[in-house]
Each structure stands twice: as structure tokens, then as C-alpha cells.
Protein backbone atom coordinates (compact mmCIF):
# COMPACT_ATOMS: atom_id res chain seq x y z
CA UNK A 1 71.24 124.74 106.30
CA UNK A 2 71.70 125.56 110.00
CA UNK A 3 74.71 127.75 110.80
CA UNK A 4 76.07 125.08 113.17
CA UNK A 5 75.81 122.41 110.50
CA UNK A 6 77.54 124.61 107.94
CA UNK A 7 80.35 125.41 110.40
CA UNK A 8 80.92 121.72 111.21
CA UNK A 9 80.99 120.73 107.55
CA UNK A 10 83.48 123.52 106.84
CA UNK A 11 85.64 122.24 109.71
CA UNK A 12 85.53 118.75 108.23
CA UNK A 13 86.59 120.12 104.87
CA UNK A 14 89.55 121.93 106.47
CA UNK A 15 90.46 118.74 108.34
CA UNK A 16 90.67 116.83 105.07
CA UNK A 17 92.82 119.54 103.47
CA UNK A 18 95.23 119.65 106.42
CA UNK A 19 95.42 115.85 106.59
CA UNK A 20 96.35 115.39 102.95
CA UNK A 21 98.60 118.44 102.63
CA UNK A 22 100.44 118.32 105.99
CA UNK A 23 100.98 122.05 105.53
CA UNK A 24 102.74 121.46 102.19
CA UNK A 25 100.94 123.24 99.36
CA UNK A 26 102.89 121.35 96.73
CA UNK A 27 101.67 118.07 98.21
CA UNK A 28 98.15 119.51 98.34
CA UNK A 29 98.26 120.41 94.63
CA UNK A 30 99.50 116.91 93.80
CA UNK A 31 96.72 115.37 95.91
CA UNK A 32 94.11 117.57 94.22
CA UNK A 33 95.35 116.59 90.76
CA UNK A 34 95.33 112.92 91.74
CA UNK A 35 91.80 113.29 93.12
CA UNK A 36 90.64 115.02 89.97
CA UNK A 37 91.96 112.13 87.91
CA UNK A 38 90.35 109.52 90.17
CA UNK A 39 86.97 111.21 90.36
CA UNK A 40 87.22 111.97 86.67
CA UNK A 41 87.24 108.20 86.11
CA UNK A 42 84.19 107.94 88.38
CA UNK A 43 82.49 110.67 86.35
CA UNK A 44 83.30 108.76 83.16
CA UNK A 45 81.72 105.69 84.75
CA UNK A 46 78.65 107.79 85.55
CA UNK A 47 78.36 108.90 81.92
CA UNK A 48 78.72 105.29 80.75
CA UNK A 49 76.02 104.23 83.21
CA UNK A 50 73.72 106.97 81.94
CA UNK A 51 74.20 105.93 78.29
CA UNK A 52 73.55 102.27 79.06
CA UNK A 53 70.53 102.99 81.27
CA UNK A 54 69.00 105.34 78.66
CA UNK A 55 68.99 102.66 75.94
CA UNK A 56 65.63 100.77 75.82
CA UNK A 57 67.36 97.82 74.14
CA UNK A 58 69.48 97.28 77.27
CA UNK A 59 66.49 96.79 79.55
CA UNK A 60 66.64 92.94 79.58
CA UNK A 61 70.32 93.05 80.45
CA UNK A 62 69.70 95.68 83.11
CA UNK A 63 67.08 93.40 84.67
CA UNK A 64 69.60 90.55 84.66
CA UNK A 65 72.73 92.34 85.85
CA UNK A 66 71.28 95.37 87.66
CA UNK A 67 71.15 93.66 91.09
CA UNK A 68 74.79 92.59 90.76
CA UNK A 69 75.84 96.14 89.92
CA UNK A 70 73.97 97.50 92.94
CA UNK A 71 75.53 94.79 95.11
CA UNK A 72 78.96 95.97 93.93
CA UNK A 73 78.13 99.60 94.83
CA UNK A 74 76.95 98.40 98.24
CA UNK A 75 80.15 96.46 98.97
CA UNK A 76 82.34 99.29 97.67
CA UNK A 77 80.53 101.94 99.71
CA UNK A 78 80.71 99.94 102.96
CA UNK A 79 84.07 98.13 102.77
CA UNK A 80 86.47 100.22 100.69
CA UNK A 81 86.50 103.22 103.11
CA UNK A 82 87.27 100.78 105.94
CA UNK A 83 90.08 99.07 104.02
CA UNK A 84 91.56 102.45 103.10
CA UNK A 85 91.14 103.71 106.69
CA UNK A 86 89.34 106.82 105.39
CA UNK A 87 86.73 106.51 108.14
CA UNK A 88 89.26 107.88 110.61
CA UNK A 89 89.70 111.24 108.82
CA UNK A 90 86.72 112.89 110.46
CA UNK A 91 85.78 115.18 113.29
CA UNK A 92 84.94 113.70 116.67
CA UNK A 93 81.35 114.91 116.86
CA UNK A 94 81.10 113.80 120.50
CA UNK A 95 83.38 116.69 121.44
CA UNK A 96 80.83 119.09 119.94
CA UNK A 97 78.09 118.04 122.38
CA UNK A 98 78.89 121.06 124.61
CA UNK A 99 77.71 123.43 121.89
CA UNK A 100 74.03 124.38 121.36
CA UNK A 101 73.30 121.70 118.79
CA UNK A 102 71.05 118.70 119.32
CA UNK A 103 72.15 115.10 119.03
CA UNK A 104 69.73 114.60 116.13
CA UNK A 105 71.52 117.33 114.21
CA UNK A 106 74.90 115.79 115.02
CA UNK A 107 73.66 112.44 113.76
CA UNK A 108 72.41 114.05 110.55
CA UNK A 109 75.83 115.68 110.07
CA UNK A 110 77.51 112.32 110.61
CA UNK A 111 75.32 110.79 107.90
CA UNK A 112 76.02 113.65 105.49
CA UNK A 113 79.76 113.21 106.05
CA UNK A 114 79.43 109.64 104.76
CA UNK A 115 78.99 111.14 101.29
CA UNK A 116 82.73 111.83 101.34
CA UNK A 117 83.47 108.07 101.51
CA UNK A 118 81.12 107.16 98.66
CA UNK A 119 81.50 109.94 96.10
CA UNK A 120 82.41 107.46 93.36
CA UNK A 121 79.32 105.33 93.85
CA UNK A 122 77.11 108.40 94.24
CA UNK A 123 78.27 109.63 90.83
CA UNK A 124 77.65 106.24 89.20
CA UNK A 125 74.19 105.93 90.76
CA UNK A 126 73.33 109.50 89.75
CA UNK A 127 74.39 108.75 86.18
CA UNK A 128 72.25 105.61 86.12
CA UNK A 129 69.27 107.54 87.50
CA UNK A 130 69.64 110.21 84.82
CA UNK A 131 69.78 107.55 82.11
CA UNK A 132 66.68 105.80 83.46
CA UNK A 133 64.76 109.10 83.41
CA UNK A 134 65.53 109.38 79.68
CA UNK A 135 64.66 105.76 78.97
CA UNK A 136 61.16 105.65 77.41
CA UNK A 137 60.71 102.02 78.50
CA UNK A 138 61.04 102.93 82.20
CA UNK A 139 58.31 104.83 84.11
CA UNK A 140 59.29 108.31 85.27
CA UNK A 141 58.77 107.42 88.93
CA UNK A 142 60.97 104.31 88.81
CA UNK A 143 64.45 105.94 89.18
CA UNK A 144 63.27 107.54 92.43
CA UNK A 145 63.82 104.12 94.01
CA UNK A 146 67.54 104.91 93.96
CA UNK A 147 67.02 107.60 96.63
CA UNK A 148 66.22 105.15 99.47
CA UNK A 149 69.11 103.01 98.17
CA UNK A 150 71.51 105.94 98.68
CA UNK A 151 69.98 106.67 102.10
CA UNK A 152 70.41 103.01 103.10
CA UNK A 153 74.11 103.11 102.24
CA UNK A 154 74.65 106.42 104.04
CA UNK A 155 73.02 105.34 107.31
CA UNK A 156 74.65 101.91 107.25
CA UNK A 157 78.07 103.46 106.56
CA UNK A 158 77.61 105.85 109.49
CA UNK A 159 76.71 102.96 111.79
CA UNK A 160 79.67 100.85 110.65
CA UNK A 161 82.04 103.76 111.22
CA UNK A 162 80.90 104.19 114.83
CA UNK A 163 81.10 100.43 115.38
CA UNK A 164 84.61 100.32 113.92
CA UNK A 165 85.71 103.25 116.09
CA UNK A 166 84.71 101.36 119.24
CA UNK A 167 86.34 98.13 118.05
CA UNK A 168 89.63 99.87 117.37
CA UNK A 169 89.58 101.47 120.83
CA UNK A 170 89.43 98.15 122.67
CA UNK A 171 92.70 96.47 123.48
CA UNK A 172 91.50 92.95 122.73
CA UNK A 173 89.83 93.63 119.38
CA UNK A 174 91.69 96.40 117.56
CA UNK A 175 94.54 94.27 116.23
CA UNK A 176 92.11 91.53 115.24
CA UNK A 177 89.88 94.05 113.45
CA UNK A 178 92.79 95.66 111.59
CA UNK A 179 94.20 92.26 110.62
CA UNK A 180 90.78 91.21 109.32
CA UNK A 181 90.60 94.30 107.11
CA UNK A 182 94.12 93.71 105.80
CA UNK A 183 93.35 90.08 104.96
CA UNK A 184 90.15 91.15 103.20
CA UNK A 185 92.28 93.39 100.99
CA UNK A 186 94.45 90.37 100.13
CA UNK A 187 91.51 88.03 99.49
CA UNK A 188 91.38 88.70 95.70
CA UNK A 189 95.03 87.57 95.45
CA UNK A 190 94.20 84.29 97.18
CA UNK A 191 91.15 83.65 95.00
CA UNK A 192 93.20 84.45 91.89
CA UNK A 193 95.56 81.56 92.67
CA UNK A 194 93.31 78.99 94.32
CA UNK A 195 90.06 79.83 92.53
CA UNK A 196 86.71 80.36 94.21
CA UNK A 197 85.98 77.41 96.54
CA UNK A 198 82.68 75.60 96.08
CA UNK A 199 81.60 76.40 99.62
CA UNK A 200 82.23 80.10 98.99
CA UNK A 201 80.19 79.91 95.80
CA UNK A 202 77.38 78.22 97.73
CA UNK A 203 77.55 81.02 100.30
CA UNK A 204 77.34 83.75 97.64
CA UNK A 205 74.57 82.09 95.61
CA UNK A 206 71.67 83.30 97.84
CA UNK A 207 72.87 86.89 97.44
CA UNK A 208 71.79 86.82 93.79
CA UNK A 209 68.19 85.90 94.62
CA UNK A 210 65.62 86.72 97.25
CA UNK A 211 64.46 89.99 98.78
CA UNK A 212 67.80 91.65 99.32
CA UNK A 213 67.84 95.46 99.05
CA UNK A 214 69.86 95.45 95.81
CA UNK A 215 67.32 93.07 94.25
CA UNK A 216 64.35 95.19 95.34
CA UNK A 217 66.02 98.44 94.28
CA UNK A 218 66.83 97.08 90.81
CA UNK A 219 63.24 95.88 90.32
CA UNK A 220 61.76 99.23 91.36
CA UNK A 221 64.30 101.39 89.47
CA UNK A 222 63.55 99.48 86.23
CA UNK A 223 59.76 99.73 86.66
CA UNK A 224 59.22 96.02 87.39
CA UNK A 225 58.65 96.29 91.11
CA UNK A 226 55.50 95.96 93.17
CA UNK A 227 54.14 97.28 96.43
CA UNK A 228 55.86 94.33 98.12
CA UNK A 229 59.19 95.45 96.60
CA UNK A 230 58.62 99.02 97.79
CA UNK A 231 57.69 97.86 101.30
CA UNK A 232 60.73 95.62 101.45
CA UNK A 233 63.12 98.37 100.33
CA UNK A 234 61.65 100.81 102.86
CA UNK A 235 61.98 98.16 105.56
CA UNK A 236 65.67 97.65 104.71
CA UNK A 237 66.22 101.41 104.71
CA UNK A 238 64.44 101.74 108.05
CA UNK A 239 66.67 99.01 109.49
CA UNK A 240 69.76 100.89 108.25
CA UNK A 241 68.48 104.12 109.85
CA UNK A 242 67.89 102.30 113.15
CA UNK A 243 71.33 100.65 113.02
CA UNK A 244 73.09 103.92 112.24
CA UNK A 245 71.32 105.81 115.03
CA UNK A 246 71.85 102.95 117.50
CA UNK A 247 75.58 102.82 116.84
CA UNK A 248 75.80 106.63 116.93
CA UNK A 249 74.17 106.73 120.38
CA UNK A 250 76.44 103.94 121.64
CA UNK A 251 79.43 105.83 120.32
CA UNK A 252 78.30 108.93 122.18
CA UNK A 253 78.23 106.99 125.45
CA UNK A 254 81.46 105.14 124.76
CA UNK A 255 84.59 106.23 126.64
CA UNK A 256 87.54 105.36 124.41
CA UNK A 257 90.14 106.43 127.00
CA UNK A 258 88.62 104.07 129.57
CA UNK A 259 88.59 101.23 127.02
CA UNK A 260 92.28 101.74 126.25
CA UNK A 261 93.14 101.89 129.96
CA UNK A 262 91.28 98.70 130.87
CA UNK A 263 93.89 96.23 132.10
CA UNK A 264 94.02 92.85 130.45
CA UNK A 265 92.92 89.91 132.54
CA UNK A 266 95.57 87.58 133.87
CA UNK A 267 96.29 84.73 131.48
CA UNK A 268 96.81 81.12 132.60
CA UNK A 269 99.90 81.06 130.38
CA UNK A 270 101.60 83.91 132.30
CA UNK A 271 103.87 81.43 134.12
CA UNK A 272 105.52 80.03 131.00
CA UNK A 273 105.61 83.51 129.47
CA UNK A 274 107.53 84.70 132.50
CA UNK A 275 110.03 81.88 132.04
CA UNK A 276 110.37 82.86 128.38
CA UNK A 277 111.04 86.49 129.31
CA UNK A 278 113.77 85.36 131.69
CA UNK A 279 115.64 83.36 129.02
CA UNK A 280 118.03 86.25 128.16
CA UNK A 281 119.46 86.06 131.69
CA UNK A 282 120.54 82.46 130.95
CA UNK A 283 122.38 83.46 127.77
CA UNK A 284 123.75 86.91 128.61
CA UNK A 285 124.94 88.78 131.65
CA UNK A 286 123.44 91.98 132.99
CA UNK A 287 122.98 94.74 131.99
CA UNK A 288 122.70 93.33 128.45
CA UNK A 289 120.30 90.60 129.59
CA UNK A 290 118.08 93.15 131.34
CA UNK A 291 117.97 95.37 128.25
CA UNK A 292 117.07 92.42 126.03
CA UNK A 293 114.36 91.31 128.46
CA UNK A 294 112.90 94.82 128.48
CA UNK A 295 112.63 94.84 124.68
CA UNK A 296 111.20 91.31 124.51
CA UNK A 297 108.57 92.22 127.09
CA UNK A 298 107.60 95.50 125.47
CA UNK A 299 107.46 94.85 121.72
CA UNK A 300 104.82 92.07 121.75
CA UNK A 301 102.64 94.35 123.89
CA UNK A 302 102.83 97.20 121.35
CA UNK A 303 99.77 97.03 119.03
CA UNK A 304 101.75 98.50 116.14
CA UNK A 305 104.43 95.79 116.41
CA UNK A 306 101.91 92.97 116.86
CA UNK A 307 100.01 93.97 113.75
CA UNK A 308 103.16 94.23 111.62
CA UNK A 309 104.53 90.91 112.89
CA UNK A 310 101.26 89.06 112.21
CA UNK A 311 100.93 90.67 108.78
CA UNK A 312 104.29 89.20 107.80
CA UNK A 313 103.17 85.56 107.90
CA UNK A 314 99.54 86.18 106.88
CA UNK A 315 99.17 89.10 104.47
CA UNK A 316 102.72 88.61 103.18
CA UNK A 317 102.06 84.99 102.24
CA UNK A 318 98.80 85.81 100.49
CA UNK A 319 99.90 88.92 98.59
CA UNK A 320 102.88 87.11 97.03
CA UNK A 321 101.01 83.84 96.48
CA UNK A 322 100.67 84.34 92.68
CA UNK A 323 104.47 84.09 92.44
CA UNK A 324 104.61 80.94 94.53
CA UNK A 325 101.80 79.27 92.64
CA UNK A 326 103.26 79.89 89.19
CA UNK A 327 105.77 77.76 87.34
CA UNK A 328 108.21 80.62 86.86
CA UNK A 329 111.62 80.91 88.48
CA UNK A 330 110.03 83.00 91.25
CA UNK A 331 108.25 79.96 92.65
CA UNK A 332 111.59 78.46 93.77
CA UNK A 333 112.31 81.66 95.74
CA UNK A 334 108.81 82.30 97.07
CA UNK A 335 109.82 81.82 100.72
CA UNK A 336 112.77 84.18 100.28
CA UNK A 337 110.60 86.87 98.67
CA UNK A 338 108.01 86.72 101.46
CA UNK A 339 110.79 86.84 104.07
CA UNK A 340 112.25 89.95 102.42
CA UNK A 341 108.81 91.57 102.51
CA UNK A 342 108.35 90.68 106.19
CA UNK A 343 111.81 91.99 107.04
CA UNK A 344 110.91 95.29 105.40
CA UNK A 345 107.75 95.45 107.53
CA UNK A 346 109.64 94.71 110.74
CA UNK A 347 112.28 97.28 109.86
CA UNK A 348 109.80 100.09 110.39
CA UNK A 349 109.10 99.06 114.02
CA UNK A 350 112.44 97.74 115.30
CA UNK A 351 115.33 98.69 112.97
CA UNK A 352 115.09 102.12 111.33
CA UNK A 353 113.83 104.01 114.38
CA UNK A 354 114.99 101.87 117.30
CA UNK A 355 114.28 104.52 119.97
CA UNK A 356 110.91 105.62 118.59
CA UNK A 357 108.84 103.59 121.04
CA UNK A 358 111.02 104.75 123.98
CA UNK A 359 110.18 108.39 123.36
CA UNK A 360 111.02 110.48 126.46
CA UNK A 361 112.22 107.34 128.26
CA UNK A 362 115.42 107.54 126.22
CA UNK A 363 116.64 109.85 128.99
CA UNK A 364 117.18 106.72 131.07
CA UNK A 365 119.89 105.45 128.71
CA UNK A 366 121.85 108.68 129.21
CA UNK A 367 121.71 108.66 133.03
CA UNK A 368 122.05 104.90 133.66
CA UNK A 369 125.58 103.44 133.97
CA UNK A 370 125.16 101.51 130.71
CA UNK A 371 127.07 102.18 127.51
CA UNK A 372 125.05 103.02 124.43
CA UNK A 373 126.84 100.21 122.61
CA UNK A 374 125.06 97.73 124.89
CA UNK A 375 121.74 99.47 124.28
CA UNK A 376 122.17 99.18 120.52
CA UNK A 377 123.36 95.60 120.84
CA UNK A 378 120.32 94.64 122.94
CA UNK A 379 117.89 96.20 120.47
CA UNK A 380 119.65 94.54 117.53
CA UNK A 381 119.61 91.11 119.17
CA UNK A 382 115.89 91.41 119.81
CA UNK A 383 115.26 92.61 116.25
CA UNK A 384 117.23 89.65 114.91
CA UNK A 385 115.26 87.30 117.15
CA UNK A 386 111.94 88.53 115.81
CA UNK A 387 113.24 88.33 112.23
CA UNK A 388 114.06 84.65 112.76
CA UNK A 389 110.73 84.10 114.52
CA UNK A 390 108.94 85.74 111.58
CA UNK A 391 110.67 83.46 109.09
CA UNK A 392 109.77 80.48 111.26
CA UNK A 393 106.10 81.51 111.28
CA UNK A 394 106.18 82.06 107.50
CA UNK A 395 107.64 78.59 106.98
CA UNK A 396 105.04 77.04 109.28
CA UNK A 397 102.14 78.90 107.65
CA UNK A 398 103.34 78.00 104.14
CA UNK A 399 102.77 74.33 104.96
CA UNK A 400 99.02 75.00 104.78
CA UNK A 401 99.27 76.43 101.25
CA UNK A 402 99.70 74.56 97.95
CA UNK A 403 103.43 75.27 97.81
CA UNK A 404 106.47 73.05 97.31
CA UNK A 405 108.93 74.29 99.96
CA UNK A 406 111.78 72.00 101.01
CA UNK A 407 114.40 72.24 103.73
CA UNK A 408 117.05 73.56 101.31
CA UNK A 409 114.87 76.58 100.51
CA UNK A 410 114.32 77.21 104.23
CA UNK A 411 118.08 77.11 104.96
CA UNK A 412 118.80 79.40 102.01
CA UNK A 413 116.17 81.88 103.19
CA UNK A 414 117.57 81.93 106.73
CA UNK A 415 121.11 82.51 105.47
CA UNK A 416 120.08 85.33 103.15
CA UNK A 417 117.88 86.96 105.81
CA UNK A 418 120.73 86.95 108.33
CA UNK A 419 123.16 88.58 105.89
CA UNK A 420 120.61 91.17 104.85
CA UNK A 421 119.67 91.88 108.49
CA UNK A 422 123.32 92.62 109.39
CA UNK A 423 123.52 95.39 106.79
CA UNK A 424 120.07 96.76 107.62
CA UNK A 425 120.85 96.86 111.35
CA UNK A 426 124.07 98.75 110.57
CA UNK A 427 122.14 101.42 108.68
CA UNK A 428 119.31 101.31 111.22
CA UNK A 429 121.58 102.14 114.15
CA UNK A 430 122.84 105.23 112.34
CA UNK A 431 119.34 106.21 111.24
CA UNK A 432 118.01 105.85 114.78
CA UNK A 433 120.29 108.63 116.04
CA UNK A 434 120.39 110.78 112.91
CA UNK A 435 116.62 110.78 112.27
CA UNK A 436 114.91 109.92 115.58
CA UNK A 437 111.15 110.27 115.75
CA UNK A 438 108.73 109.55 118.60
CA UNK A 439 106.21 106.80 117.84
CA UNK A 440 103.03 105.94 119.69
CA UNK A 441 103.04 102.12 119.89
CA UNK A 442 99.24 102.13 119.58
CA UNK A 443 99.20 103.96 116.23
CA UNK A 444 98.83 102.12 112.91
CA UNK A 445 100.53 104.42 110.43
CA UNK A 446 104.18 104.13 109.43
CA UNK A 447 106.48 106.28 111.49
CA UNK A 448 109.82 106.42 109.65
CA UNK A 449 111.04 109.95 108.94
CA UNK A 450 110.46 111.18 105.41
CA UNK A 451 114.12 112.05 104.77
CA UNK A 452 115.28 108.62 105.90
CA UNK A 453 112.68 106.96 103.66
CA UNK A 454 114.41 108.62 100.71
CA UNK A 455 117.76 107.18 101.87
CA UNK A 456 116.26 103.69 101.86
CA UNK A 457 116.34 103.76 98.07
CA UNK A 458 120.13 103.72 98.43
CA UNK A 459 120.38 101.49 101.51
CA UNK A 460 118.38 98.54 100.21
CA UNK A 461 120.30 98.13 96.92
CA UNK A 462 123.60 98.33 98.83
CA UNK A 463 122.41 95.76 101.37
CA UNK A 464 121.24 93.43 98.57
CA UNK A 465 124.57 93.59 96.73
CA UNK A 466 126.28 90.68 98.62
CA UNK A 467 123.18 88.54 98.10
CA UNK A 468 123.12 89.38 94.41
CA UNK A 469 126.79 88.41 94.13
CA UNK A 470 126.02 85.08 95.81
CA UNK A 471 123.28 84.34 93.27
CA UNK A 472 125.62 85.32 90.42
CA UNK A 473 128.27 82.95 91.82
CA UNK A 474 125.78 80.09 91.92
CA UNK A 475 124.74 80.84 88.33
CA UNK A 476 128.35 81.12 87.09
CA UNK A 477 129.74 78.02 88.84
CA UNK A 478 126.47 76.07 89.04
CA UNK A 479 127.32 75.23 92.63
CA UNK A 480 125.60 75.68 95.98
CA UNK A 481 129.02 75.72 97.60
CA UNK A 482 129.94 78.83 95.63
CA UNK A 483 126.67 80.45 96.66
CA UNK A 484 127.23 79.90 100.38
CA UNK A 485 130.93 80.78 100.13
CA UNK A 486 130.16 84.20 98.64
CA UNK A 487 127.35 84.62 101.17
CA UNK A 488 129.77 83.84 104.01
CA UNK A 489 132.21 86.46 102.72
CA UNK A 490 129.31 88.91 102.57
CA UNK A 491 128.43 88.07 106.17
CA UNK A 492 132.01 88.72 107.32
CA UNK A 493 132.04 92.03 105.47
CA UNK A 494 128.65 92.84 106.98
CA UNK A 495 130.00 92.14 110.49
CA UNK A 496 132.85 94.60 109.83
CA UNK A 497 130.39 97.22 108.55
CA UNK A 498 128.17 96.59 111.59
CA UNK A 499 130.90 97.27 114.16
CA UNK A 500 132.07 100.39 112.34
CA UNK A 501 128.49 101.67 112.09
CA UNK A 502 127.86 100.77 115.74
CA UNK A 503 130.86 102.79 116.89
CA UNK A 504 129.72 105.74 114.79
CA UNK A 505 126.18 105.47 116.13
CA UNK A 506 127.44 105.47 119.74
CA UNK A 507 129.51 108.60 119.09
CA UNK A 508 126.57 110.34 117.43
CA UNK A 509 124.26 109.36 120.29
CA UNK A 510 126.64 111.07 122.72
CA UNK A 511 127.24 114.21 120.65
CA UNK A 512 123.55 114.65 119.71
CA UNK A 513 122.10 113.75 123.11
CA UNK A 514 120.14 116.99 123.66
CA UNK A 515 118.78 116.98 120.13
CA UNK A 516 117.71 113.32 120.33
CA UNK A 517 116.04 113.69 123.73
CA UNK A 518 114.21 116.87 122.70
CA UNK A 519 112.87 115.23 119.54
CA UNK A 520 111.74 112.00 121.19
CA UNK A 521 110.17 113.84 124.13
CA UNK A 522 107.73 115.77 121.92
CA UNK A 523 105.13 113.02 122.35
CA UNK A 524 103.80 111.53 125.57
CA UNK A 525 105.72 108.47 126.63
CA UNK A 526 106.22 106.14 129.57
CA UNK A 527 108.01 108.87 131.57
CA UNK A 528 107.50 112.60 131.83
CA UNK A 529 109.66 114.79 129.64
């Protein structure tokens, strides 16, 4: 192995260790133990594959189901790393172009790094190959057909990673790409409830026949292939090599910073959007109206917020669909459950860390002649607006699903969401000044501080207590009036808690001003720190 290649692979290994440990050796040990357990299961699968493949009596079944197994390894190797976002934990090889190493060597390193995203399937395939070598009914040369199959997956995975990197760098496609991956992860839930549609079955049927690479590989690996099968498999592998190298070269020429900085084209709907942005000035007076307008303009432009908001009425509906489609008591509260889930998602971007997106720009709130109470109030009004908008989108989207949702359930969900939001906003205002953290609006990972995440285990049960009491009142008195009466009392108590928490948050914002500004200014923001 070339010294440069060995150095780059060692750097990648250190990158993985630092990413999963975050400098915490206890977390690293836990991650290692978890990985040992996971890959131990993969090793057990490899042993099972070897035992099955070594049995001559299983040859007819291997001929029947072998292509399907290889198709599963193909889908797992290509899609699972994307869904788990593990393709992003890698070195940027383009930055190494200044060193004395050729582009061909960099491409080879990129392909070798794809082993890290398919270790499970590599173990299973290796176990199957070992079993086929011991199978007296299979020629000795036949298992060698699994080598081009592994190469095909490696080169294709490398090409897809470079393609995905460019998609996620473009302003117009990154949210759509991430949302597509999220919905793919929720697809099994949808099929579990609705069943596999006939059109989808018709689409998948050709994959089980024909000259697909998994078909050709299975035929060759079991000794039933021909020269046509070998030529076809080599052609597929060659196509994967070409695709991987093509995408790698395009990635080398691609300027991600320029793609992110490309301004969006003017939209024909900008006129009515401008009128929408100006609506706060009709309902409130300045400076509160100006602060609300600033938040309403900014949040929909933040990729992180857009993705979370869209996930609420897409992924949220699908992931909880088994509850809504069943005949249990959960089906009557399906809309409420999805709304709770969406509110938890929105909390991460506009409740628990309200100044995270402002970053160094929070200095403006301290020098402008505006009280911090108005700043909090503006952010809370906007958060409440998007909570109601989310519930409206969930209700609208649920009309396209086989669900029985009536107006009474919608009203109940809105009332419960408002009461819950009051308590969450109270805690969120305090958390925003006690545990501030700068957040890049273009990042995808959650940004709530770790210590505050631990406090959420206490905050959520406390916030749910008035809602639980309302349900108990309805059960005890068998009356909707009792339910809404207790909920109204909870709302009044929540309003009292909100104003007390708001006053405390304003005082903390003043006394901790230097600490808050220094923390939020540690990451680049809209103004210089």
C-alpha cells in the first residue's frame, strides 16, 4: 500500500473515532460495544449463510431465492448508508489534491472507503462465498463471481455518494433530497398499513427476472451461468466503474461554496409573499410587528426549519399511520398524536433554542431600544403561528389517507396543542437563555444542548399534566364539557406560568448578556462577532 494511501485511510479512521466519541472516551467505549454487538449479528448472518451455501441439498432453493438475497444486499449497500447519513462522515478528498498523489489514487481510496458503509453485506457475502467453496455441487471457480459483485457495489456506492454530496450542496435540491430519504425510511410503515399496491407489484416484478446483475451473479456463483452471464455481469460492473469515476470527477470540479451562494431566481409569487410578510404590521404595532416580520421572513428560508416543518405533515403522518389505521383507542386520537410529534420536531428549531439561528446577531437585541420581553413575545408568536400552520397541514394531508377524522377531533387537537405550546414556550424561553447554542440554519442535525435534552424528560411530563387531567375528567364525568373546562383551567394556569417564566427569562437575558453573546458568537452568523 502506498504511504499516501495508508496515511489517508488512517486519517479517515481517526475521523470516525472523533465523530462518534466527541472527545468522550466513555461514549467511545459505548459506541464500540454497540458496534461489536451489531457486527456480531452480521457475523452470525455470515456463518448462517456459509452453512446454508455449503449444503448441496439447498442448491435448488439457492437457485430460486439467491437473486432475491443479492438484490437485498444491493439495496442495503446503496440505500441504508444514505438513509443513515453515514456517507457524510468522510474526508473531503478534494482538499488533498495539493499533495503529491494522483487523482486515480484518490478515486481508489474513495472506493476503498465505501467498504465502511457495507461491512455487514461484505461479511454476509464472504460467508456465502466460503460456503459455496465447500459445496461439492458447486464448481470451485463459481464463487469467484461474487468478487465483481462486490466491486460493482463499491463503485456504485462511491458514485452515489459524490452525487448526493452535490445534491445536498444546491439550495433548490437539498431539502427535496433529504425529504425523499426520510420518506423512503417511512415507506415500510405505509406499506404495512395499506399493503403493497398492484402498480408497485407490477413495477417490482421485472426485477425478479431478466439480466439484472443480481440474477447474473447468482447464476454464476451457483455454477449455472454461461459466457453470456459472465459478459453481462462484467458489463454491469464496468458501467458501475464508469459511473463512479464520472461522479468522482464531477465532484472534483464542483464548487460547493458557489452552489450555496447562488441566489435564488425571483419568483412570480413574490408579490403576494410580500403582502403576507407585511401582515404583522396590520395586527401589531412596531417594534413588535417588525420583530415578528423578521422571524416570519427568516424561518421559512432556513433549510433546517423547512425540512422539519415538512417532515411534520409527511413523515409524521406516515410513521404513526399504523395507529390511525387500527381499531384501537389510538385511532380516535391519531391526529392528536401526530400533532404532538410535529410539535416536538418544531420545538428543536423555534422553541428550545430561540436565539440559536441569530448567533452573533443577538448583539442587536442588546443595543437596540427594544425590551427583551418584546423579543421573546415576537419569537413565541411566530412559533405558535407555525404550530397552528403545521396542524392545519397535517389535517389537510390526512384527508388523502384512509382515516376517519371529523371536525370534533380537529378542534380537540387544536385546543390541546395550544395548551401544550403555552407550557413548552414557557420552558423554552428559560432554556434559550440558560443553554444557548449557535445553530447553522443550513445544518441537518439536531442542535439542542445535551444538558437541556436531559431536562426535557422532566419538562414534557409536567407540560402534559393539564392535558392528562382533562382526559381523566372526560373519562370520569363522561362529558366533553368537563374535558374542555379542565383544559381551559390548564390554559389559564399555563398563561400564568408563561408570564412568570417570561419575566425570569428577561432578567436572565440581562444578567447573562456577555455569556450569551460569547456563546452564540462562536459560529459564523449574519453579522461579525
